[in-house]
C-alpha cells in the first residue's frame, strides 16, 4: 500500500487503512465483497493477485457497490505492479468508472472493453486497454484466475 500513497487523493494520504474484505477470510463471492466492502461514501482499494503472481487492482473514491449504471469519480484509477508500480489515471474521455451487478464488477470501459472485470465467484477476471484509463492490460493475459483478492478502506 505505501507505494500507492502518492497517487491517492490528498485527503487520504495520511489515513490509516484497514482490511474490509479478503477472499482468504471471507470466501470467493462478489456478493460478500459488496456487503463487507461497503462503507457508504467511503473510498476503496481493490488489490488482486492472480495465479501467475501478478499484482494489480483499482482505487475507487466511492464505495464498491451494486449499481444499474456506472458510478464513481475522476479520482478512480487502475494500477499494476509488474514488476514496478504503474498507475493509469482517468483520461477524461468517458465516465465509465465503476459498475457492479451480481454477476460482474467492472472498472473502466469504452467500446465494449473493460479496464478490469471480475466474475460473480471472484475466480476469474480480465483486463483490457480501455478509454477511461488508457491502461495497459494489468495482468499477463487478458483473462486471469484470481488467487487472492482484498478490499481495503480508510480506518
Protein backbone atom coordinates (compact mmCIF):
# COMPACT_ATOMS: atom_id res chain seq x y z
CA UNK A 1 0.00 0.00 0.00
CA UNK A 2 2.74 2.58 0.73
CA UNK A 3 3.73 2.80 -2.96
CA UNK A 4 0.18 3.84 -3.85
CA UNK A 5 0.15 6.68 -1.29
CA UNK A 6 1.39 9.43 -3.63
CA UNK A 7 -1.34 8.55 -6.15
CA UNK A 8 -4.25 8.72 -3.71
CA UNK A 9 -6.36 11.87 -3.27
CA UNK A 10 -4.62 14.23 -0.84
CA UNK A 11 -7.32 13.84 1.83
CA UNK A 12 -6.47 10.10 2.07
CA UNK A 13 -2.67 10.17 2.12
CA UNK A 14 -2.38 10.33 5.93
CA UNK A 15 -5.29 7.94 6.53
CA UNK A 16 -4.66 4.57 8.14
CA UNK A 17 -6.29 1.78 6.10
CA UNK A 18 -7.94 -1.44 7.25
CA UNK A 19 -8.85 -4.69 5.55
CA UNK A 20 -12.61 -4.82 4.82
CA UNK A 21 -12.79 -7.97 2.72
CA UNK A 22 -10.44 -10.76 1.70
CA UNK A 23 -11.04 -13.99 -0.19
CA UNK A 24 -8.80 -15.77 2.37
CA UNK A 25 -11.12 -14.84 5.28
CA UNK A 26 -14.48 -14.21 3.62
CA UNK A 27 -14.52 -16.66 0.70
CA UNK A 28 -14.80 -16.05 -3.04
CA UNK A 29 -18.07 -14.17 -3.61
CA UNK A 30 -18.82 -10.87 -5.28
CA UNK A 31 -21.99 -10.58 -3.18
CA UNK A 32 -19.93 -10.85 0.03
CA UNK A 33 -17.44 -8.29 -1.33
CA UNK A 34 -20.31 -5.81 -1.83
CA UNK A 35 -21.58 -6.49 1.69
CA UNK A 36 -18.22 -6.38 3.54
CA UNK A 37 -16.57 -3.71 1.44
CA UNK A 38 -19.47 -1.30 1.57
CA UNK A 39 -18.80 1.57 3.92
CA UNK A 40 -21.22 4.10 2.39
CA UNK A 41 -19.44 7.07 0.87
CA UNK A 42 -16.05 5.60 1.69
CA UNK A 43 -13.25 5.00 -0.82
CA UNK A 44 -11.95 1.52 -1.51
CA UNK A 45 -8.72 -0.04 -2.69
CA UNK A 46 -9.12 -3.30 -4.57
CA UNK A 47 -5.99 -5.49 -4.61
CA UNK A 48 -5.75 -8.64 -6.73
CA UNK A 49 -3.07 -11.30 -7.03
CA UNK A 50 -3.59 -13.75 -9.86
CA UNK A 51 -2.39 -17.34 -10.16
CA UNK A 52 0.69 -16.13 -12.10
CA UNK A 53 1.71 -14.00 -9.06
CA UNK A 54 0.88 -10.70 -10.81
CA UNK A 55 -0.45 -7.98 -8.51
CA UNK A 56 -2.81 -5.24 -9.72
CA UNK A 57 -6.04 -3.53 -8.87
CA UNK A 58 -8.13 -0.39 -8.69
CA UNK A 59 -8.75 2.58 -6.46
CA UNK A 60 -12.32 3.86 -6.19
CA UNK A 61 -13.11 7.17 -4.48
CA UNK A 62 -16.59 5.80 -3.80
CA UNK A 63 -17.93 2.60 -2.22
CA UNK A 64 -17.81 -0.51 -4.41
CA UNK A 65 -21.46 -1.49 -4.77
CA UNK A 66 -24.19 -2.99 -6.94
CA UNK A 67 -25.48 -0.46 -9.46
CA UNK A 68 -27.65 -0.27 -12.56
CA UNK A 69 -25.34 2.28 -14.17
CA UNK A 70 -21.74 3.45 -13.98
CA UNK A 71 -20.72 5.44 -10.88
CA UNK A 72 -17.57 6.94 -9.41
CA UNK A 73 -15.36 9.98 -9.92
CA UNK A 74 -12.28 11.01 -11.86
CA UNK A 75 -10.18 10.10 -8.80
CA UNK A 76 -10.66 6.43 -9.72
CA UNK A 77 -7.56 4.73 -11.19
CA UNK A 78 -6.16 1.34 -12.16
CA UNK A 79 -2.69 0.10 -11.25
CA UNK A 80 -0.36 -2.85 -11.67
CA UNK A 81 2.92 -3.97 -10.10
CA UNK A 82 4.75 -5.70 -12.92
CA UNK A 83 7.38 -5.53 -11.57
CA UNK A 84 7.29 -1.79 -10.75
CA UNK A 85 4.17 0.25 -9.99
CA UNK A 86 2.29 1.65 -12.99
CA UNK A 87 -0.75 3.86 -12.39
CA UNK A 88 -3.41 4.57 -15.01
CA UNK A 89 -5.39 7.73 -14.24
CA UNK A 90 -8.66 8.97 -15.74
CA UNK A 91 -8.30 10.23 -19.32
CA UNK A 92 -11.47 12.36 -19.25
CA UNK A 93 -12.77 10.59 -22.38
CA UNK A 94 -15.77 8.98 -20.63
CA UNK A 95 -17.24 8.45 -17.15
CA UNK A 96 -17.22 4.63 -17.10
CA UNK A 97 -15.52 4.37 -13.69
CA UNK A 98 -17.26 1.52 -11.85
CA UNK A 99 -20.31 -0.66 -12.39
CA UNK A 100 -21.31 -3.74 -10.48
CA UNK A 101 -24.13 -6.24 -10.54
CA UNK A 102 -24.49 -9.72 -9.03
CA UNK A 103 -22.61 -11.32 -11.94
CA UNK A 104 -19.88 -8.82 -12.76
CA UNK A 105 -17.81 -5.98 -11.34
CA UNK A 106 -16.36 -3.65 -13.99
CA UNK A 107 -13.81 -0.84 -13.70
CA UNK A 108 -13.24 1.40 -16.71
CA UNK A 109 -14.81 0.94 -20.11
CA UNK A 110 -15.44 2.10 -23.64
CA UNK A 111 -16.06 0.28 -26.93
CA UNK A 112 -17.21 -2.83 -25.06
CA UNK A 113 -13.86 -3.33 -23.31
CA UNK A 114 -13.29 -3.10 -19.55
CA UNK A 115 -10.08 -2.00 -17.86
CA UNK A 116 -10.77 -4.61 -15.19
CA UNK A 117 -13.63 -7.04 -14.66
CA UNK A 118 -14.31 -9.76 -12.09
CA UNK A 119 -16.91 -12.53 -12.20
CA UNK A 120 -19.51 -13.37 -9.54
CA UNK A 121 -17.40 -16.11 -7.92
CA UNK A 122 -14.26 -13.93 -7.94
CA UNK A 123 -12.35 -16.79 -9.56
CA UNK A 124 -11.95 -15.23 -12.99
CA UNK A 125 -11.36 -11.76 -14.29
CA UNK A 126 -10.00 -9.88 -17.22
CA UNK A 127 -8.22 -6.70 -18.17
CA UNK A 128 -8.19 -4.84 -21.47
CA UNK A 129 -6.94 -1.43 -22.56
CA UNK A 130 -9.94 0.92 -22.18
CA UNK A 131 -10.79 4.52 -22.98
CA UNK A 132 -11.49 5.51 -19.37
CA UNK A 133 -7.89 4.99 -18.21
CA UNK A 134 -5.89 4.35 -21.40
CA UNK A 135 -4.38 1.44 -19.44
CA UNK A 136 -2.26 -1.49 -20.46
CA UNK A 137 -3.58 -4.99 -19.74
CA UNK A 138 -2.99 -5.23 -15.97
CA UNK A 139 -2.29 -8.98 -15.94
CA UNK A 140 0.00 -11.06 -18.15
CA UNK A 141 -3.01 -12.34 -20.10
CA UNK A 142 -6.28 -10.61 -20.95
CA UNK A 143 -8.12 -13.18 -18.81
CA UNK A 144 -6.77 -14.38 -15.48
CA UNK A 145 -7.58 -16.58 -12.49
CA UNK A 146 -7.66 -14.90 -9.09
CA UNK A 147 -5.58 -16.29 -6.24
CA UNK A 148 -6.25 -13.60 -3.61
CA UNK A 149 -8.39 -10.51 -3.58
CA UNK A 150 -8.64 -7.84 -0.88
CA UNK A 151 -10.63 -4.65 -0.38
CA UNK A 152 -9.13 -2.00 1.90
CA UNK A 153 -10.85 1.12 3.22
CA UNK A 154 -9.92 4.04 5.46
CA UNK A 155 -9.90 3.01 9.12
